[in-house]
Protein backbone atom coordinates (compact mmCIF):
# COMPACT_ATOMS: atom_id res chain seq x y z
CA MET A 1 1.42 -12.22 -7.68
CA GLU A 2 1.93 -15.90 -7.23
CA GLN A 3 0.21 -18.37 -4.91
CA GLY A 4 3.27 -18.51 -2.63
CA ASP A 5 3.12 -14.75 -2.07
CA TYR A 6 0.10 -15.16 0.19
CA THR A 7 1.92 -17.37 2.68
CA SER A 8 5.49 -16.09 2.40
CA VAL A 9 7.04 -14.34 5.37
CA PRO A 10 7.61 -10.61 4.70
CA SER A 11 11.08 -9.08 4.95
CA ALA A 12 9.60 -6.32 7.13
CA SER A 13 6.21 -5.62 8.68
CA SER A 14 4.37 -2.66 10.20
CA VAL A 15 6.70 -0.32 8.32
CA ALA A 16 4.15 2.48 7.88
CA SER A 17 0.50 3.35 8.44
CA LEU A 18 -1.71 4.50 5.61
CA PRO A 19 -3.88 7.41 6.80
CA VAL A 20 -7.48 7.78 5.67
CA PRO A 21 -7.79 10.26 2.77
CA ALA A 22 -9.09 13.69 3.77
CA ALA A 23 -11.87 13.60 1.15
CA LYS A 24 -13.86 11.02 -0.81
CA GLN A 25 -12.08 10.17 -4.04
CA GLY A 26 -8.99 11.64 -2.40
CA PHE A 27 -5.50 10.33 -2.06
CA THR A 28 -3.16 9.58 0.76
CA GLU A 29 0.58 9.39 1.08
CA ILE A 30 3.13 7.82 3.35
CA SER A 31 6.79 8.34 4.02
CA LEU A 32 8.84 5.20 4.45
CA PRO A 33 11.47 5.30 7.17
CA SER A 34 15.05 4.91 5.97
CA THR A 35 15.22 1.58 7.82
CA ALA A 36 12.79 0.16 5.22
CA PHE A 37 15.05 0.95 2.27
CA VAL A 38 17.15 -2.20 2.74
CA ASN A 39 14.06 -4.21 1.75
CA ILE A 40 13.67 -2.54 -1.65
CA ASN A 41 14.86 -4.75 -4.50
CA LYS A 42 17.01 -2.48 -6.66
CA SER A 43 17.09 -4.88 -9.63
CA GLY A 44 13.62 -6.40 -9.53
CA LYS A 45 10.15 -6.17 -8.05
CA THR A 46 9.31 -5.07 -4.52
CA GLN A 47 5.99 -6.16 -3.04
CA LEU A 48 4.04 -3.88 -0.70
CA ARG A 49 1.30 -5.52 1.36
CA LEU A 50 -1.70 -3.85 2.92
CA THR A 51 -3.39 -5.06 6.08
CA ALA A 52 -6.69 -3.63 7.26
CA TYR A 53 -7.92 -3.45 10.84
CA THR A 54 -11.50 -2.47 11.57
CA VAL A 55 -13.91 -2.42 14.46
CA ALA A 56 -17.13 -4.46 14.51
CA ASP A 57 -19.52 -1.51 14.34
CA PHE A 58 -21.35 -2.53 11.15
CA THR A 59 -20.24 0.66 9.41
CA SER A 60 -18.86 0.03 5.95
CA GLY A 61 -15.16 0.73 5.55
CA VAL A 62 -14.01 0.44 1.94
CA LEU A 63 -10.67 0.92 0.22
CA GLU A 64 -11.02 0.81 -3.55
CA ILE A 65 -7.89 0.35 -5.64
CA TYR A 66 -8.50 0.55 -9.36
CA GLY A 67 -6.55 -1.07 -12.17
CA GLY A 68 -4.22 0.83 -14.45
CA GLU A 69 -6.76 0.65 -17.28
CA ASP A 70 -9.14 2.98 -15.39
CA ALA A 71 -8.75 6.36 -17.10
CA VAL A 72 -9.92 8.40 -14.11
CA SER A 73 -8.89 6.44 -11.02
CA ALA A 74 -5.77 4.57 -12.14
CA PRO A 75 -3.33 4.15 -9.25
CA VAL A 76 -0.18 6.25 -9.23
CA LEU A 77 2.99 5.43 -7.34
CA MET A 78 5.10 8.53 -6.86
CA VAL A 79 8.60 7.99 -5.53
CA VAL A 80 10.40 11.08 -4.25
CA TYR A 81 14.04 10.91 -3.24
CA ASN A 82 15.35 13.51 -0.83
């Protein structure tokens, strides 16, 4: 990421919602609508941004994303073409 990435206007927004995992230490998945495919860079990098909305109820809401060097919890991006 570069400094300009934080202020750049996205090509698309509100494309999908990320559901809460069913269990602690679980995973979640989304399906992108076909209308989002035009924003995928076929010869370079594509940036996905996450935005979190929460209520002010003082309950902790945490999303932990680990680095690739974490042997147990390394993130995995699975792309399935239908």
